[in-house]
Structures are given as C-alpha cells and as structure tokens.
Amino acid sequence: MEGHPLCRLSESSSTILVVDDELPTVKLCKAFLEEAGHTVLEAEGSSEALKLCAQYQGPIDLLLTDLVLPPPGFQLAATTNQFPHVNGYELALRATMIRNGLHVILMSGNPDKELTSHGIKRGTLPFLAKPFERDRLIALVQTVLAQPAPTLGVEDRPRAANDTDWFG
C-alpha cells in the first residue's frame, strides 16, 4: 500500500482547520489528514476556530467544518464578541472574511435537512456527508485544494448567511 497515491505525503503540505463539536470526529479527520501529509489545526467550536483564523501565524488553506455547531453551555450575549458561536455555514462566511483565499468544505450527518434549513442548495459548495470513509475525505480535500483559491474581494463577499452564490 506504500505506493498508493493517497498514502503519499503531499509535495506541498496544506494546513487544514477541522471544526466539529464532536471530538471523535475531529480526531478521526486529524488522523486521516495527517496521514495524507497535511498539517491539521483543531477546533471544537466556531469561537475557537475564528480565534485560530485571526491569530494563527501560518497559512490556513482549508476549513473543514461541521454544519451544525451548537454553542457550548452558557454564554453571555455580547454584540462586541469578535469570536461568536455560530453554525458552520456562518463560520465559513466569517472565516473567509478573515482569511482571503480560504477553501471551505462543510460536513453534516443529516445533509438534506441541514442544508435546507440553512438555505443552501445541494451541489453549490463542497460537502461531505457523515459518516464518511477515509478515501472519500482525502479525495474531496485534494479536489478542493486543487481548485484555484477563491478570489473574493470585499465588495463580493456575502452580506447575509442565506447568500450562497459565492460558493458556486
């Protein structure tokens, strides 16, 4: 299996931020992606992920996030919170505003229901249904990273969470 293309390390390792409220999913993605030669940053929620996007010194090439990210426990609401707890789609919107050229893959265990509830049409953005197999994850990551990085200018960025044209 040593010669298998999915087992070879990438010539240029990408950094991937994995976000999920289920720690076993984060750990599984990390193991698969590191084995494929990627550097993996972990976040258990959107607040932690947004902090990483803003404060991590190196490049972040791809955001792999669960669509449903419930906030952990009790929190005070504040309009000045720079790193709020938001769902995966809103996280993707905010992260691409912080990191220009960031690729995004959303994932969910109930894709049809979750995509519909967020006003996202199936097929308009990279999506991974859970549970998934290692090869499916690696192939999707490689496909998304092989595409040109999104070149969204400030004027092109979505203004509302239900605006999905920019993923097309």
Protein backbone atom coordinates (compact mmCIF):
# COMPACT_ATOMS: atom_id res chain seq x y z
CA MET A 1 0.00 0.00 0.00
CA GLU A 2 3.10 2.18 0.21
CA GLY A 3 2.77 3.25 -3.44
CA HIS A 4 -0.92 4.12 -3.13
CA PRO A 5 -1.40 7.79 -4.15
CA LEU A 6 -3.50 8.59 -1.09
CA CYS A 7 -0.74 7.38 1.23
CA ARG A 8 1.99 9.55 -0.26
CA LEU A 9 2.77 12.77 1.50
CA SER A 10 1.77 15.91 -0.36
CA GLU A 11 4.62 17.71 -2.06
CA SER A 12 3.40 20.92 -0.51
CA SER A 13 1.62 20.22 2.73
CA SER A 14 -1.59 22.16 3.24
CA THR A 15 -2.85 23.38 6.58
CA ILE A 16 -6.42 22.37 7.34
CA LEU A 17 -8.59 23.67 10.16
CA VAL A 18 -11.02 20.97 11.31
CA VAL A 19 -14.04 22.12 13.33
CA ASP A 20 -16.65 19.87 14.92
CA ASP A 21 -18.42 19.79 18.27
CA GLU A 22 -17.85 16.02 18.38
CA LEU A 23 -14.24 15.44 19.45
CA PRO A 24 -14.06 11.89 17.95
CA THR A 25 -14.87 13.37 14.51
CA VAL A 26 -12.12 15.97 14.90
CA LYS A 27 -9.60 13.30 15.95
CA LEU A 28 -10.60 10.98 13.09
CA CYS A 29 -10.27 13.77 10.49
CA LYS A 30 -6.93 14.79 12.00
CA ALA A 31 -5.57 11.23 11.80
CA PHE A 32 -6.70 10.76 8.17
CA LEU A 33 -5.45 14.17 7.02
CA GLU A 34 -2.09 14.00 8.80
CA GLU A 35 -1.52 10.52 7.35
CA ALA A 36 -2.09 12.10 3.91
CA GLY A 37 0.59 14.71 4.65
CA HIS A 38 -1.46 17.70 5.79
CA THR A 39 -0.94 19.87 8.84
CA VAL A 40 -4.12 19.91 10.94
CA LEU A 41 -5.39 22.55 13.35
CA GLU A 42 -8.28 21.50 15.61
CA ALA A 43 -11.22 23.48 17.00
CA GLU A 44 -14.20 22.16 18.95
CA GLY A 45 -16.41 25.10 18.04
CA SER A 46 -16.76 28.19 15.92
CA SER A 47 -15.44 30.59 18.54
CA GLU A 48 -12.16 28.67 18.82
CA ALA A 49 -11.98 28.35 15.01
CA LEU A 50 -12.44 32.09 14.46
CA LYS A 51 -9.70 32.81 17.01
CA LEU A 52 -7.38 30.46 15.11
CA CYS A 53 -8.25 32.14 11.79
CA ALA A 54 -7.44 35.54 13.25
CA GLN A 55 -4.40 34.67 15.36
CA TYR A 56 -2.62 31.69 13.73
CA GLN A 57 0.63 32.95 12.22
CA GLY A 58 0.93 30.42 9.40
CA PRO A 59 -1.27 29.77 6.40
CA ILE A 60 -4.65 28.04 6.68
CA ASP A 61 -5.58 26.58 3.31
CA LEU A 62 -8.87 24.85 4.06
CA LEU A 63 -11.67 24.96 6.62
CA LEU A 64 -13.40 21.59 7.15
CA THR A 65 -16.36 22.27 9.41
CA ASP A 66 -19.50 20.61 10.63
CA LEU A 67 -22.61 22.50 9.56
CA VAL A 68 -24.24 22.20 13.00
CA LEU A 69 -22.10 23.70 15.76
CA PRO A 70 -24.14 24.19 18.93
CA PRO A 71 -22.68 26.67 21.42
CA PRO A 72 -21.07 25.05 24.47
CA GLY A 73 -23.06 25.63 27.62
CA PHE A 74 -24.00 29.04 28.97
CA GLN A 75 -22.59 32.21 27.48
CA LEU A 76 -23.39 35.88 27.78
CA ALA A 77 -24.55 37.55 24.61
CA ALA A 78 -22.45 40.49 23.52
CA THR A 79 -22.53 42.49 20.32
CA THR A 80 -18.80 43.14 20.59
CA ASN A 81 -17.79 39.45 20.65
CA GLN A 82 -15.20 39.09 17.89
CA PHE A 83 -15.37 35.29 18.06
CA PRO A 84 -19.05 34.31 18.46
CA HIS A 85 -20.51 30.82 18.50
CA VAL A 86 -22.14 30.37 15.08
CA ASN A 87 -23.15 27.47 12.85
CA GLY A 88 -20.72 26.01 10.32
CA TYR A 89 -22.09 27.97 7.40
CA GLU A 90 -21.80 31.29 9.25
CA LEU A 91 -18.34 30.21 10.40
CA ALA A 92 -17.37 29.70 6.75
CA LEU A 93 -18.63 33.20 5.89
CA ARG A 94 -16.71 34.80 8.75
CA ALA A 95 -13.55 32.73 8.22
CA THR A 96 -13.33 33.69 4.53
CA MET A 97 -13.56 37.33 5.55
CA ILE A 98 -10.60 36.84 7.91
CA ARG A 99 -8.57 34.57 5.59
CA ASN A 100 -8.82 35.60 1.95
CA GLY A 101 -8.49 32.61 -0.38
CA LEU A 102 -9.61 30.08 2.24
CA HIS A 103 -11.17 26.92 0.78
CA VAL A 104 -14.21 25.51 2.61
CA ILE A 105 -15.80 22.07 2.96
CA LEU A 106 -18.96 21.66 5.06
CA MET A 107 -19.96 18.32 6.59
CA SER A 108 -23.08 17.01 8.32
CA GLY A 109 -24.67 13.80 9.48
CA ASN A 110 -28.06 14.87 8.09
CA PRO A 111 -27.14 16.80 4.94
CA ASP A 112 -30.52 17.22 3.25
CA LYS A 113 -32.23 18.56 6.38
CA GLU A 114 -29.30 20.74 7.47
CA LEU A 115 -28.56 22.21 4.03
CA THR A 116 -32.23 23.04 3.53
CA SER A 117 -32.59 24.62 6.99
CA HIS A 118 -29.67 26.96 6.16
CA GLY A 119 -30.98 27.79 2.68
CA ILE A 120 -28.06 26.08 0.96
CA LYS A 121 -28.74 24.24 -2.30
CA ARG A 122 -27.11 20.83 -2.60
CA GLY A 123 -24.24 20.88 -5.09
CA THR A 124 -23.39 24.57 -4.67
CA LEU A 125 -20.42 24.01 -2.36
CA PRO A 126 -18.06 21.23 -1.36
CA PHE A 127 -19.89 18.97 1.08
CA LEU A 128 -19.06 15.78 2.95
CA ALA A 129 -21.84 13.61 4.39
CA LYS A 130 -21.08 11.90 7.72
CA PRO A 131 -20.23 9.15 8.33
CA PHE A 132 -17.54 9.10 5.65
CA GLU A 133 -14.66 6.87 4.68
CA ARG A 134 -11.02 7.95 4.75
CA ASP A 135 -10.61 7.81 0.96
CA ARG A 136 -13.71 9.97 0.40
CA LEU A 137 -12.40 12.65 2.80
CA ILE A 138 -8.90 12.68 1.29
CA ALA A 139 -10.19 12.74 -2.30
CA LEU A 140 -12.55 15.65 -1.58
CA VAL A 141 -9.83 17.63 0.22
CA GLN A 142 -7.41 17.06 -2.68
CA THR A 143 -10.06 18.09 -5.23
CA VAL A 144 -10.99 21.27 -3.35
CA LEU A 145 -7.35 22.26 -2.73
CA ALA A 146 -6.51 21.67 -6.42
CA GLN A 147 -9.03 24.30 -7.45
CA PRO A 148 -7.95 27.95 -7.59
CA ALA A 149 -8.37 29.67 -4.26
CA PRO A 150 -11.49 31.82 -4.13
CA THR A 151 -10.68 35.41 -5.02
CA LEU A 152 -13.46 37.26 -3.30
CA GLY A 153 -12.99 40.98 -2.94
CA VAL A 154 -14.62 42.83 -0.05
CA GLU A 155 -17.41 44.03 -2.35
CA ASP A 156 -18.08 40.44 -3.48
CA ARG A 157 -18.35 38.93 -0.02
CA PRO A 158 -21.76 37.72 1.09
CA ARG A 159 -23.65 40.03 3.38
CA ALA A 160 -26.21 37.57 4.73
CA ALA A 161 -26.00 33.99 5.97
CA ASN A 162 -28.50 32.81 3.32
CA ASP A 163 -26.48 34.18 0.37
CA THR A 164 -24.94 31.09 -1.25
CA ASP A 165 -23.96 32.38 -4.71
CA TRP A 166 -20.34 32.85 -3.65
CA PHE A 167 -19.91 29.10 -3.14
CA GLY A 168 -20.79 28.30 -6.76
